[in-house]
Amino acid sequence: MHVVLVEPEIPQNTGNIARTCALTRTTLHLVKPLGFSIEDRYLKRAGLDYWDQVQVRVWDSFQELYNNYQDHHFYLATTRASRCYVNVAYEPEDMLVFGKETRGLPMEIINLFPDHCIRMPMLDIGRSLNLSNSVAIVVYEALRQQGFPGLK
């Protein structure tokens, strides 16, 4: 599996996501601009001793990432979607894409994959689930569907 964070802003969220990725053997892709330095102490603290156990790739743009993974399925987590994240048959090399904490994914990315947008059911009270929680929910559903390959 692949988790893609487009312009993440909060180092603690990215650190928590890195930890989830390390423990599930999921590649983490970070799309610039980042709201922090990868050397940020909060990022490392949140990821604890897992940071060196995760495969992290940093991209200058979403287009650069896409050019390298065109043969993969991209699923975009967005509150604008009507399709529930459990109604997808995930495959091992799928790209799970999440936007920045304050604004989500830009429409130009959403418009590239209108049939691959997914959402987590929640109340509409003006806020969404925390980014690291959202990533964990979708990653574990995708892995559950595949029988948790390689995990105890």
C-alpha atoms as a PDB file:
ATOM      1  CA  MET A   1       0.000   0.000   0.000  1.00  0.00           C
ATOM      2  CA  HIS A   2       0.968   3.616  -0.445  1.00  0.00           C
ATOM      3  CA  VAL A   3      -0.158   6.613   1.599  1.00  0.00           C
ATOM      4  CA  VAL A   4       0.164   9.992  -0.088  1.00  0.00           C
ATOM      5  CA  LEU A   5       0.012  13.188   1.964  1.00  0.00           C
ATOM      6  CA  VAL A   6      -0.453  16.252  -0.219  1.00  0.00           C
ATOM      7  CA  GLU A   7       1.038  19.335   1.451  1.00  0.00           C
ATOM      8  CA  PRO A   8       0.776  18.124   5.062  1.00  0.00           C
ATOM      9  CA  GLU A   9       1.002  20.953   7.593  1.00  0.00           C
ATOM     10  CA  ILE A  10       1.231  19.441  11.078  1.00  0.00           C
ATOM     11  CA  PRO A  11       4.384  17.475  11.932  1.00  0.00           C
ATOM     12  CA  GLN A  12       2.715  15.449  14.682  1.00  0.00           C
ATOM     13  CA  ASN A  13       0.112  14.119  12.239  1.00  0.00           C
ATOM     14  CA  THR A  14       2.773  13.139   9.727  1.00  0.00           C
ATOM     15  CA  GLY A  15       4.813  11.496  12.495  1.00  0.00           C
ATOM     16  CA  ASN A  16       1.786   9.457  13.595  1.00  0.00           C
ATOM     17  CA  ILE A  17       1.112   8.486   9.983  1.00  0.00           C
ATOM     18  CA  ALA A  18       4.756   7.467   9.534  1.00  0.00           C
ATOM     19  CA  ARG A  19       4.366   5.192  12.552  1.00  0.00           C
ATOM     20  CA  THR A  20       1.241   3.594  11.054  1.00  0.00           C
ATOM     21  CA  CYS A  21       3.068   3.153   7.749  1.00  0.00           C
ATOM     22  CA  ALA A  22       6.088   1.573   9.447  1.00  0.00           C
ATOM     23  CA  LEU A  23       3.927  -0.923  11.338  1.00  0.00           C
ATOM     24  CA  THR A  24       1.962  -1.898   8.220  1.00  0.00           C
ATOM     25  CA  ARG A  25       4.812  -1.855   5.674  1.00  0.00           C
ATOM     26  CA  THR A  26       3.086   0.964   3.784  1.00  0.00           C
ATOM     27  CA  THR A  27       5.139   3.434   1.753  1.00  0.00           C
ATOM     28  CA  LEU A  28       4.651   7.077   2.764  1.00  0.00           C
ATOM     29  CA  HIS A  29       4.753   9.732   0.047  1.00  0.00           C
ATOM     30  CA  LEU A  30       4.992  13.410   1.015  1.00  0.00           C
ATOM     31  CA  VAL A  31       4.076  15.994  -1.638  1.00  0.00           C
ATOM     32  CA  LYS A  32       5.606  19.445  -1.217  1.00  0.00           C
ATOM     33  CA  PRO A  33       5.280  22.059  -0.021  1.00  0.00           C
ATOM     34  CA  LEU A  34       5.463  20.638   3.482  1.00  0.00           C
ATOM     35  CA  GLY A  35       4.421  22.736   6.466  1.00  0.00           C
ATOM     36  CA  PHE A  36       7.489  21.572   8.400  1.00  0.00           C
ATOM     37  CA  SER A  37      10.985  20.207   7.948  1.00  0.00           C
ATOM     38  CA  ILE A  38      11.421  16.463   7.766  1.00  0.00           C
ATOM     39  CA  GLU A  39      14.075  17.000  10.420  1.00  0.00           C
ATOM     40  CA  ASP A  40      11.465  18.612  12.686  1.00  0.00           C
ATOM     41  CA  ARG A  41      11.783  17.317  16.265  1.00  0.00           C
ATOM     42  CA  TYR A  42       7.983  17.112  16.618  1.00  0.00           C
ATOM     43  CA  LEU A  43       7.779  14.961  13.511  1.00  0.00           C
ATOM     44  CA  LYS A  44      10.402  12.559  14.849  1.00  0.00           C
ATOM     45  CA  ARG A  45       8.886  12.564  18.335  1.00  0.00           C
ATOM     46  CA  ALA A  46       5.442  11.648  16.984  1.00  0.00           C
ATOM     47  CA  GLY A  47       6.943   8.873  14.853  1.00  0.00           C
ATOM     48  CA  LEU A  48       9.132   7.810  17.789  1.00  0.00           C
ATOM     49  CA  ASP A  49      11.641   5.160  16.879  1.00  0.00           C
ATOM     50  CA  TYR A  50       9.639   4.092  13.816  1.00  0.00           C
ATOM     51  CA  TRP A  51      10.819   6.897  11.534  1.00  0.00           C
ATOM     52  CA  ASP A  52      13.780   4.881  10.237  1.00  0.00           C
ATOM     53  CA  GLN A  53      11.493   1.870   9.649  1.00  0.00           C
ATOM     54  CA  VAL A  54       9.239   3.547   7.091  1.00  0.00           C
ATOM     55  CA  GLN A  55       9.953   4.060   3.417  1.00  0.00           C
ATOM     56  CA  VAL A  56       9.426   7.789   2.808  1.00  0.00           C
ATOM     57  CA  ARG A  57       9.491   9.429  -0.604  1.00  0.00           C
ATOM     58  CA  VAL A  58       9.287  13.181  -1.007  1.00  0.00           C
ATOM     59  CA  TRP A  59       7.924  14.710  -4.221  1.00  0.00           C
ATOM     60  CA  ASP A  60       8.092  18.268  -5.498  1.00  0.00           C
ATOM     61  CA  SER A  61       4.538  18.064  -6.855  1.00  0.00           C
ATOM     62  CA  PHE A  62       1.580  15.722  -7.162  1.00  0.00           C
ATOM     63  CA  GLN A  63       2.203  15.589 -10.915  1.00  0.00           C
ATOM     64  CA  GLU A  64       5.732  14.291 -10.325  1.00  0.00           C
ATOM     65  CA  LEU A  65       4.378  11.532  -8.068  1.00  0.00           C
ATOM     66  CA  TYR A  66       1.626  10.666 -10.536  1.00  0.00           C
ATOM     67  CA  ASN A  67       4.109  10.468 -13.421  1.00  0.00           C
ATOM     68  CA  ASN A  68       5.981   7.773 -11.468  1.00  0.00           C
ATOM     69  CA  TYR A  69       2.867   5.781 -10.459  1.00  0.00           C
ATOM     70  CA  GLN A  70       0.495   6.120 -13.427  1.00  0.00           C
ATOM     71  CA  ASP A  71      -0.188   2.376 -13.450  1.00  0.00           C
ATOM     72  CA  HIS A  72      -1.525   2.430  -9.872  1.00  0.00           C
ATOM     73  CA  HIS A  73      -5.057   3.102  -8.658  1.00  0.00           C
ATOM     74  CA  PHE A  74      -5.416   6.387  -6.795  1.00  0.00           C
ATOM     75  CA  TYR A  75      -8.123   6.754  -4.139  1.00  0.00           C
ATOM     76  CA  LEU A  76      -8.670  10.256  -2.810  1.00  0.00           C
ATOM     77  CA  ALA A  77     -10.066  10.824   0.669  1.00  0.00           C
ATOM     78  CA  THR A  78     -12.306  13.869   0.616  1.00  0.00           C
ATOM     79  CA  THR A  79     -15.431  15.105   2.347  1.00  0.00           C
ATOM     80  CA  ARG A  80     -16.698  15.994  -1.145  1.00  0.00           C
ATOM     81  CA  ALA A  81     -17.089  12.312  -2.089  1.00  0.00           C
ATOM     82  CA  SER A  82     -20.265  10.281  -1.859  1.00  0.00           C
ATOM     83  CA  ARG A  83     -18.590   6.852  -2.031  1.00  0.00           C
ATOM     84  CA  CYS A  84     -17.783   5.282   1.340  1.00  0.00           C
ATOM     85  CA  TYR A  85     -14.210   4.072   1.787  1.00  0.00           C
ATOM     86  CA  VAL A  86     -15.402   0.511   2.536  1.00  0.00           C
ATOM     87  CA  ASN A  87     -17.056   0.280  -0.893  1.00  0.00           C
ATOM     88  CA  VAL A  88     -13.735  -0.065  -2.715  1.00  0.00           C
ATOM     89  CA  ALA A  89     -11.894  -3.315  -3.523  1.00  0.00           C
ATOM     90  CA  TYR A  90      -8.363  -2.261  -2.584  1.00  0.00           C
ATOM     91  CA  GLU A  91      -5.275  -3.826  -4.147  1.00  0.00           C
ATOM     92  CA  PRO A  92      -1.768  -4.079  -2.639  1.00  0.00           C
ATOM     93  CA  GLU A  93      -0.220  -1.250  -4.676  1.00  0.00           C
ATOM     94  CA  ASP A  94      -3.058   1.274  -4.405  1.00  0.00           C
ATOM     95  CA  MET A  95      -2.299   4.910  -3.621  1.00  0.00           C
ATOM     96  CA  LEU A  96      -4.386   6.328  -0.750  1.00  0.00           C
ATOM     97  CA  VAL A  97      -4.290  10.105  -1.103  1.00  0.00           C
ATOM     98  CA  PHE A  98      -5.024  12.612   1.677  1.00  0.00           C
ATOM     99  CA  GLY A  99      -4.936  16.405   1.652  1.00  0.00           C
ATOM    100  CA  LYS A 100      -3.664  19.018   4.035  1.00  0.00           C
ATOM    101  CA  GLU A 101      -5.236  19.339   7.453  1.00  0.00           C
ATOM    102  CA  THR A 102      -6.803  22.776   6.943  1.00  0.00           C
ATOM    103  CA  ARG A 103      -8.234  22.474   3.426  1.00  0.00           C
ATOM    104  CA  GLY A 104      -8.090  18.877   2.232  1.00  0.00           C
ATOM    105  CA  LEU A 105      -7.211  18.077  -1.357  1.00  0.00           C
ATOM    106  CA  PRO A 106      -7.215  20.770  -4.038  1.00  0.00           C
ATOM    107  CA  MET A 107      -9.969  20.498  -6.648  1.00  0.00           C
ATOM    108  CA  GLU A 108      -7.411  20.121  -9.461  1.00  0.00           C
ATOM    109  CA  ILE A 109      -6.333  16.789  -7.926  1.00  0.00           C
ATOM    110  CA  ILE A 110      -9.888  15.691  -7.136  1.00  0.00           C
ATOM    111  CA  ASN A 111     -10.896  16.446 -10.719  1.00  0.00           C
ATOM    112  CA  LEU A 112      -8.210  14.036 -11.998  1.00  0.00           C
ATOM    113  CA  PHE A 113      -9.924  11.087 -10.271  1.00  0.00           C
ATOM    114  CA  PRO A 114     -13.645  11.900  -9.930  1.00  0.00           C
ATOM    115  CA  ASP A 115     -14.615   8.210  -9.792  1.00  0.00           C
ATOM    116  CA  HIS A 116     -11.993   7.359  -7.163  1.00  0.00           C
ATOM    117  CA  CYS A 117     -12.997   9.732  -4.395  1.00  0.00           C
ATOM    118  CA  ILE A 118     -13.844   8.190  -1.036  1.00  0.00           C
ATOM    119  CA  ARG A 119     -15.069   9.455   2.300  1.00  0.00           C
ATOM    120  CA  MET A 120     -15.477   8.284   5.863  1.00  0.00           C
ATOM    121  CA  PRO A 121     -18.992   8.668   7.245  1.00  0.00           C
ATOM    122  CA  MET A 122     -19.180  11.407   9.887  1.00  0.00           C
ATOM    123  CA  LEU A 123     -21.425  14.183  11.081  1.00  0.00           C
ATOM    124  CA  ASP A 124     -21.182  17.475   9.235  1.00  0.00           C
ATOM    125  CA  ILE A 125     -20.294  19.797  12.103  1.00  0.00           C
ATOM    126  CA  GLY A 126     -17.724  21.864  10.261  1.00  0.00           C
ATOM    127  CA  ARG A 127     -14.712  19.714  11.107  1.00  0.00           C
ATOM    128  CA  SER A 128     -13.358  16.421   9.807  1.00  0.00           C
ATOM    129  CA  LEU A 129     -11.590  13.538  11.466  1.00  0.00           C
ATOM    130  CA  ASN A 130      -7.956  14.105  12.335  1.00  0.00           C
ATOM    131  CA  LEU A 131      -5.677  13.345   9.377  1.00  0.00           C
ATOM    132  CA  SER A 132      -3.692  10.631  11.132  1.00  0.00           C
ATOM    133  CA  ASN A 133      -6.914   8.929  12.268  1.00  0.00           C
ATOM    134  CA  SER A 134      -8.326   9.083   8.748  1.00  0.00           C
ATOM    135  CA  VAL A 135      -5.205   7.514   7.276  1.00  0.00           C
ATOM    136  CA  ALA A 136      -5.253   4.699   9.844  1.00  0.00           C
ATOM    137  CA  ILE A 137      -8.934   3.965   9.179  1.00  0.00           C
ATOM    138  CA  VAL A 138      -8.482   3.642   5.409  1.00  0.00           C
ATOM    139  CA  VAL A 139      -5.137   1.802   5.548  1.00  0.00           C
ATOM    140  CA  TYR A 140      -6.513  -0.809   7.921  1.00  0.00           C
ATOM    141  CA  GLU A 141      -9.653  -1.322   5.835  1.00  0.00           C
ATOM    142  CA  ALA A 142      -7.524  -1.832   2.716  1.00  0.00           C
ATOM    143  CA  LEU A 143      -5.260  -4.273   4.565  1.00  0.00           C
ATOM    144  CA  ARG A 144      -8.256  -6.073   6.132  1.00  0.00           C
ATOM    145  CA  GLN A 145      -9.675  -6.698   2.673  1.00  0.00           C
ATOM    146  CA  GLN A 146      -6.364  -8.270   1.663  1.00  0.00           C
ATOM    147  CA  GLY A 147      -6.125 -10.468   4.769  1.00  0.00           C
ATOM    148  CA  PHE A 148      -3.470  -8.303   6.488  1.00  0.00           C
ATOM    149  CA  PRO A 149      -0.606  -9.629   4.318  1.00  0.00           C
ATOM    150  CA  GLY A 150       2.633 -10.102   6.226  1.00  0.00           C
ATOM    151  CA  LEU A 151       1.188  -8.765   9.497  1.00  0.00           C
ATOM    152  CA  LYS A 152       0.767 -10.742  12.719  1.00  0.00           C
END
